[in-house]
């Protein structure tokens, strides 16, 4: 199986890209691949409990349902440390299993993964 890294930088202002990123991560996980999600810039909101609850794409796809699946399957969510701190988010607010991370870790993940960016 392959390793996939999904890097999302868009936040609540772009529900289509966000929802699609989580949908494709879910499909990759369902197919048995190793999946990691890295949230940077405005996308850090998706790592905070409750903020994705009403995010839907025009197609009807629900971001929260995809995120819930990924959390249930123990997919790693990494949240850009300076991006989260700038927005005053603390680790006690994160979805289960999400953790702060760095640009250096993002590069390490990307080095041995197929990378999707949204």
N, C-alpha and C. Protein backbone atom coordinates (compact mmCIF):
# COMPACT_ATOMS: atom_id res chain seq x y z
N UNK A 1 0.84 -1.18 0.00
CA UNK A 1 0.00 0.00 0.00
C UNK A 1 0.89 1.25 0.00
N UNK A 2 0.28 2.34 -0.35
CA UNK A 2 0.99 3.61 -0.48
C UNK A 2 0.78 4.49 0.74
N UNK A 3 1.61 5.53 0.84
CA UNK A 3 1.44 6.57 1.86
C UNK A 3 0.92 7.81 1.16
N UNK A 4 -0.15 8.38 1.72
CA UNK A 4 -0.73 9.60 1.17
C UNK A 4 -0.73 10.68 2.23
N UNK A 5 -0.39 11.89 1.81
CA UNK A 5 -0.41 13.05 2.68
C UNK A 5 -1.35 14.08 2.06
N UNK A 6 -2.34 14.48 2.83
CA UNK A 6 -3.30 15.49 2.40
C UNK A 6 -3.00 16.78 3.15
N UNK A 7 -2.62 17.81 2.41
CA UNK A 7 -2.28 19.10 3.01
C UNK A 7 -3.38 20.09 2.64
N UNK A 8 -4.03 20.61 3.66
CA UNK A 8 -5.13 21.54 3.45
C UNK A 8 -4.75 22.89 4.03
N UNK A 9 -4.93 23.95 3.23
CA UNK A 9 -4.63 25.31 3.71
C UNK A 9 -5.85 26.21 3.72
N UNK A 10 -6.94 25.75 3.14
CA UNK A 10 -8.16 26.56 3.06
C UNK A 10 -9.07 26.29 4.24
N UNK A 11 -9.71 27.34 4.72
CA UNK A 11 -10.56 27.22 5.89
C UNK A 11 -12.03 27.20 5.58
N UNK A 12 -12.80 27.75 6.48
CA UNK A 12 -14.26 27.75 6.37
C UNK A 12 -14.75 28.53 5.16
N UNK A 13 -13.91 29.40 4.62
CA UNK A 13 -14.30 30.20 3.45
C UNK A 13 -14.36 29.37 2.17
N UNK A 14 -13.81 28.17 2.19
CA UNK A 14 -13.77 27.33 0.99
C UNK A 14 -14.20 25.90 1.34
N UNK A 15 -15.50 25.70 1.60
CA UNK A 15 -15.96 24.38 2.02
C UNK A 15 -15.79 23.30 0.95
N UNK A 16 -15.73 23.69 -0.30
CA UNK A 16 -15.60 22.70 -1.37
C UNK A 16 -14.23 22.02 -1.30
N UNK A 17 -13.18 22.82 -1.26
CA UNK A 17 -11.83 22.23 -1.21
C UNK A 17 -11.63 21.42 0.06
N UNK A 18 -12.07 21.95 1.17
CA UNK A 18 -11.89 21.25 2.44
C UNK A 18 -12.63 19.91 2.42
N UNK A 19 -13.87 19.94 2.03
CA UNK A 19 -14.66 18.72 2.00
C UNK A 19 -14.05 17.70 1.06
N UNK A 20 -13.58 18.15 -0.09
CA UNK A 20 -12.99 17.23 -1.06
C UNK A 20 -11.71 16.62 -0.52
N UNK A 21 -10.89 17.40 0.18
CA UNK A 21 -9.66 16.87 0.77
C UNK A 21 -9.98 15.73 1.74
N UNK A 22 -10.96 15.96 2.61
CA UNK A 22 -11.32 14.94 3.59
C UNK A 22 -11.97 13.72 2.93
N UNK A 23 -12.75 13.97 1.89
CA UNK A 23 -13.38 12.85 1.17
C UNK A 23 -12.30 11.95 0.54
N UNK A 24 -11.33 12.55 -0.12
CA UNK A 24 -10.29 11.76 -0.77
C UNK A 24 -9.41 11.05 0.26
N UNK A 25 -9.17 11.69 1.40
CA UNK A 25 -8.42 11.03 2.46
C UNK A 25 -9.19 9.80 2.95
N UNK A 26 -10.50 9.94 3.07
CA UNK A 26 -11.35 8.82 3.49
C UNK A 26 -11.27 7.68 2.48
N UNK A 27 -11.35 7.99 1.20
CA UNK A 27 -11.28 6.96 0.15
C UNK A 27 -9.93 6.24 0.22
N UNK A 28 -8.85 7.00 0.38
CA UNK A 28 -7.53 6.39 0.47
C UNK A 28 -7.44 5.45 1.67
N UNK A 29 -7.99 5.88 2.81
CA UNK A 29 -7.98 5.04 4.01
C UNK A 29 -8.82 3.79 3.80
N UNK A 30 -9.99 3.93 3.18
CA UNK A 30 -10.85 2.77 2.89
C UNK A 30 -10.15 1.75 2.02
N UNK A 31 -9.27 2.22 1.14
CA UNK A 31 -8.53 1.33 0.25
C UNK A 31 -7.31 0.71 0.93
N UNK A 32 -7.11 1.06 2.21
CA UNK A 32 -6.04 0.44 2.97
C UNK A 32 -4.72 1.18 2.97
N UNK A 33 -4.69 2.37 2.42
CA UNK A 33 -3.45 3.14 2.38
C UNK A 33 -3.18 3.82 3.72
N UNK A 34 -1.92 4.15 3.97
CA UNK A 34 -1.57 4.97 5.12
C UNK A 34 -1.90 6.42 4.77
N UNK A 35 -2.60 7.10 5.65
CA UNK A 35 -3.07 8.46 5.38
C UNK A 35 -2.67 9.37 6.53
N UNK A 36 -2.13 10.53 6.17
CA UNK A 36 -1.86 11.61 7.12
C UNK A 36 -2.52 12.87 6.60
N UNK A 37 -2.99 13.71 7.51
CA UNK A 37 -3.59 14.99 7.15
C UNK A 37 -2.81 16.08 7.87
N UNK A 38 -2.39 17.09 7.13
CA UNK A 38 -1.67 18.23 7.71
C UNK A 38 -2.47 19.49 7.42
N UNK A 39 -2.84 20.20 8.48
CA UNK A 39 -3.65 21.41 8.38
C UNK A 39 -2.76 22.63 8.60
N UNK A 40 -2.74 23.53 7.61
CA UNK A 40 -1.94 24.75 7.72
C UNK A 40 -2.82 25.97 7.45
N UNK A 41 -2.29 27.13 7.78
CA UNK A 41 -2.97 28.40 7.53
C UNK A 41 -4.41 28.36 8.05
N UNK A 42 -5.36 28.78 7.23
CA UNK A 42 -6.76 28.85 7.68
C UNK A 42 -7.39 27.49 7.92
N UNK A 43 -6.78 26.43 7.42
CA UNK A 43 -7.35 25.09 7.59
C UNK A 43 -7.23 24.56 9.02
N UNK A 44 -6.45 25.21 9.87
CA UNK A 44 -6.33 24.71 11.24
C UNK A 44 -7.68 24.64 11.94
N UNK A 45 -8.65 25.41 11.46
CA UNK A 45 -9.99 25.37 12.09
C UNK A 45 -10.60 23.97 12.03
N UNK A 46 -10.22 23.17 11.04
CA UNK A 46 -10.78 21.82 10.92
C UNK A 46 -10.23 20.86 11.98
N UNK A 47 -9.21 21.27 12.67
CA UNK A 47 -8.67 20.47 13.75
C UNK A 47 -9.27 20.82 15.10
N UNK A 48 -10.16 21.80 15.13
CA UNK A 48 -10.77 22.26 16.38
C UNK A 48 -12.17 21.67 16.49
N UNK A 49 -12.46 21.08 17.64
CA UNK A 49 -13.77 20.47 17.87
C UNK A 49 -14.91 21.45 17.56
N UNK A 50 -15.86 20.98 16.78
CA UNK A 50 -17.08 21.72 16.52
C UNK A 50 -17.05 22.69 15.36
N UNK A 51 -15.86 23.10 14.90
CA UNK A 51 -15.82 24.13 13.86
C UNK A 51 -16.18 23.61 12.47
N UNK A 52 -16.11 22.30 12.26
CA UNK A 52 -16.48 21.73 10.96
C UNK A 52 -17.90 21.20 10.94
N UNK A 53 -18.62 21.38 12.03
CA UNK A 53 -19.93 20.73 12.17
C UNK A 53 -20.93 21.07 11.07
N UNK A 54 -20.87 22.25 10.50
CA UNK A 54 -21.86 22.65 9.49
C UNK A 54 -21.24 22.91 8.12
N UNK A 55 -20.07 22.36 7.87
CA UNK A 55 -19.39 22.58 6.60
C UNK A 55 -19.83 21.54 5.59
N UNK A 56 -20.43 22.03 4.52
CA UNK A 56 -20.91 21.16 3.46
C UNK A 56 -20.53 21.74 2.10
N UNK A 57 -20.23 20.86 1.18
CA UNK A 57 -20.00 21.27 -0.20
C UNK A 57 -21.35 21.39 -0.89
N UNK A 58 -21.43 22.13 -1.99
CA UNK A 58 -22.70 22.26 -2.72
C UNK A 58 -23.27 20.92 -3.18
N UNK A 59 -22.42 19.91 -3.28
CA UNK A 59 -22.86 18.58 -3.68
C UNK A 59 -23.58 17.85 -2.54
N UNK A 60 -23.54 18.44 -1.34
CA UNK A 60 -24.16 17.82 -0.19
C UNK A 60 -23.19 17.06 0.69
N UNK A 61 -21.94 16.92 0.21
CA UNK A 61 -20.94 16.23 1.02
C UNK A 61 -20.70 17.00 2.31
N UNK A 62 -20.56 16.27 3.40
CA UNK A 62 -20.46 16.82 4.74
C UNK A 62 -19.04 16.61 5.26
N UNK A 63 -18.30 17.70 5.47
CA UNK A 63 -16.91 17.61 5.94
C UNK A 63 -16.82 16.87 7.26
N UNK A 64 -17.73 17.14 8.17
CA UNK A 64 -17.66 16.54 9.50
C UNK A 64 -17.77 15.02 9.43
N UNK A 65 -18.62 14.51 8.56
CA UNK A 65 -18.75 13.04 8.44
C UNK A 65 -17.43 12.42 7.99
N UNK A 66 -16.74 13.06 7.08
CA UNK A 66 -15.45 12.56 6.62
C UNK A 66 -14.41 12.66 7.73
N UNK A 67 -14.38 13.79 8.43
CA UNK A 67 -13.43 13.96 9.53
C UNK A 67 -13.69 12.92 10.61
N UNK A 68 -14.95 12.71 10.95
CA UNK A 68 -15.30 11.71 11.97
C UNK A 68 -14.80 10.32 11.58
N UNK A 69 -14.96 9.97 10.32
CA UNK A 69 -14.47 8.67 9.84
C UNK A 69 -12.95 8.58 10.02
N UNK A 70 -12.25 9.63 9.60
CA UNK A 70 -10.79 9.62 9.69
C UNK A 70 -10.33 9.53 11.14
N UNK A 71 -10.98 10.25 12.03
CA UNK A 71 -10.64 10.18 13.46
C UNK A 71 -10.89 8.78 13.99
N UNK A 72 -12.04 8.20 13.63
CA UNK A 72 -12.37 6.85 14.07
C UNK A 72 -11.33 5.84 13.61
N UNK A 73 -10.79 6.04 12.43
CA UNK A 73 -9.79 5.11 11.86
C UNK A 73 -8.36 5.47 12.28
N UNK A 74 -8.24 6.42 13.20
CA UNK A 74 -6.94 6.81 13.77
C UNK A 74 -5.98 7.42 12.74
N UNK A 75 -6.53 8.11 11.75
CA UNK A 75 -5.69 8.85 10.80
C UNK A 75 -5.05 10.01 11.56
N UNK A 76 -3.77 10.21 11.34
CA UNK A 76 -3.04 11.28 12.03
C UNK A 76 -3.41 12.64 11.43
N UNK A 77 -3.79 13.56 12.31
CA UNK A 77 -4.03 14.95 11.93
C UNK A 77 -2.92 15.77 12.58
N UNK A 78 -2.19 16.50 11.76
CA UNK A 78 -1.14 17.39 12.25
C UNK A 78 -1.59 18.82 12.00
N UNK A 79 -1.37 19.66 12.99
CA UNK A 79 -1.81 21.06 12.91
C UNK A 79 -0.60 21.95 13.04
N UNK A 80 -0.43 22.83 12.08
CA UNK A 80 0.70 23.77 12.06
C UNK A 80 0.72 24.56 13.37
N UNK A 81 1.82 24.44 14.09
CA UNK A 81 1.93 25.09 15.40
C UNK A 81 1.78 26.61 15.32
N UNK A 82 2.57 27.31 14.50
CA UNK A 82 2.40 28.77 14.49
C UNK A 82 1.03 29.21 13.95
N UNK A 83 0.47 28.44 13.03
CA UNK A 83 -0.85 28.77 12.48
C UNK A 83 -1.92 28.68 13.56
N UNK A 84 -1.85 27.65 14.39
CA UNK A 84 -2.82 27.47 15.48
C UNK A 84 -2.62 28.51 16.57
N UNK A 85 -1.37 28.74 16.91
CA UNK A 85 -1.10 29.71 17.98
C UNK A 85 -1.52 31.12 17.58
N UNK A 86 -1.28 31.48 16.33
CA UNK A 86 -1.68 32.80 15.84
C UNK A 86 -3.19 32.99 15.99
N UNK A 87 -3.94 31.90 15.79
CA UNK A 87 -5.41 31.94 15.89
C UNK A 87 -5.91 31.63 17.31
N UNK A 88 -4.97 31.50 18.24
CA UNK A 88 -5.26 31.28 19.66
C UNK A 88 -5.96 29.96 19.96
N UNK A 89 -5.67 28.93 19.13
CA UNK A 89 -6.20 27.59 19.38
C UNK A 89 -5.21 26.81 20.22
N UNK A 90 -5.73 26.12 21.22
CA UNK A 90 -4.89 25.27 22.07
C UNK A 90 -5.18 23.81 21.83
N UNK A 91 -4.23 22.97 22.20
CA UNK A 91 -4.38 21.53 21.98
C UNK A 91 -5.59 20.94 22.70
N UNK A 92 -6.04 21.58 23.76
CA UNK A 92 -7.21 21.08 24.47
C UNK A 92 -8.50 21.26 23.67
N UNK A 93 -8.43 22.00 22.56
CA UNK A 93 -9.59 22.24 21.70
C UNK A 93 -9.62 21.33 20.47
N UNK A 94 -8.57 20.55 20.27
CA UNK A 94 -8.43 19.77 19.04
C UNK A 94 -9.29 18.52 19.03
N UNK A 95 -9.58 18.06 17.80
CA UNK A 95 -10.25 16.78 17.63
C UNK A 95 -9.34 15.68 18.16
N UNK A 96 -9.93 14.56 18.46
CA UNK A 96 -9.17 13.44 19.02
C UNK A 96 -8.00 13.06 18.12
N UNK A 97 -6.84 12.93 18.72
CA UNK A 97 -5.66 12.48 18.00
C UNK A 97 -4.90 13.56 17.25
N UNK A 98 -5.45 14.76 17.14
CA UNK A 98 -4.76 15.83 16.43
C UNK A 98 -3.65 16.39 17.32
N UNK A 99 -2.54 16.73 16.68
CA UNK A 99 -1.43 17.28 17.45
C UNK A 99 -0.72 18.37 16.67
N UNK A 100 -0.12 19.27 17.43
CA UNK A 100 0.65 20.34 16.82
C UNK A 100 1.88 19.78 16.14
N UNK A 101 2.28 20.43 15.06
CA UNK A 101 3.45 19.96 14.33
C UNK A 101 4.14 21.14 13.64
N UNK A 102 5.22 20.83 12.97
CA UNK A 102 6.07 21.87 12.39
C UNK A 102 6.26 21.70 10.88
N UNK A 103 6.80 22.73 10.27
CA UNK A 103 7.10 22.67 8.84
C UNK A 103 8.12 21.56 8.55
N UNK A 104 9.07 21.38 9.44
CA UNK A 104 10.07 20.33 9.25
C UNK A 104 9.40 18.95 9.20
N UNK A 105 8.41 18.73 10.06
CA UNK A 105 7.69 17.45 10.06
C UNK A 105 6.87 17.30 8.78
N UNK A 106 6.27 18.38 8.33
CA UNK A 106 5.53 18.35 7.06
C UNK A 106 6.44 17.90 5.92
N UNK A 107 7.62 18.45 5.85
CA UNK A 107 8.57 18.08 4.79
C UNK A 107 8.97 16.60 4.92
N UNK A 108 9.18 16.15 6.15
CA UNK A 108 9.52 14.73 6.35
C UNK A 108 8.38 13.82 5.88
N UNK A 109 7.15 14.18 6.21
CA UNK A 109 6.00 13.39 5.76
C UNK A 109 5.91 13.38 4.23
N UNK A 110 6.13 14.54 3.64
CA UNK A 110 6.01 14.66 2.18
C UNK A 110 7.10 13.89 1.45
N UNK A 111 8.25 13.74 2.08
CA UNK A 111 9.39 13.10 1.43
C UNK A 111 9.10 11.65 1.03
N UNK A 112 8.23 10.99 1.78
CA UNK A 112 7.96 9.58 1.43
C UNK A 112 6.47 9.31 1.23
N UNK A 113 5.75 10.34 0.77
CA UNK A 113 4.31 10.19 0.53
C UNK A 113 3.93 10.75 -0.83
N UNK A 114 2.79 10.31 -1.30
CA UNK A 114 2.15 10.99 -2.43
C UNK A 114 1.35 12.12 -1.80
N UNK A 115 1.56 13.33 -2.28
CA UNK A 115 1.01 14.50 -1.63
C UNK A 115 -0.13 15.11 -2.45
N UNK A 116 -1.23 15.38 -1.76
CA UNK A 116 -2.37 16.10 -2.33
C UNK A 116 -2.47 17.41 -1.58
N UNK A 117 -2.59 18.50 -2.30
CA UNK A 117 -2.73 19.80 -1.65
C UNK A 117 -4.05 20.45 -2.04
N UNK A 118 -4.67 21.06 -1.06
CA UNK A 118 -5.95 21.72 -1.26
C UNK A 118 -5.90 23.08 -0.61
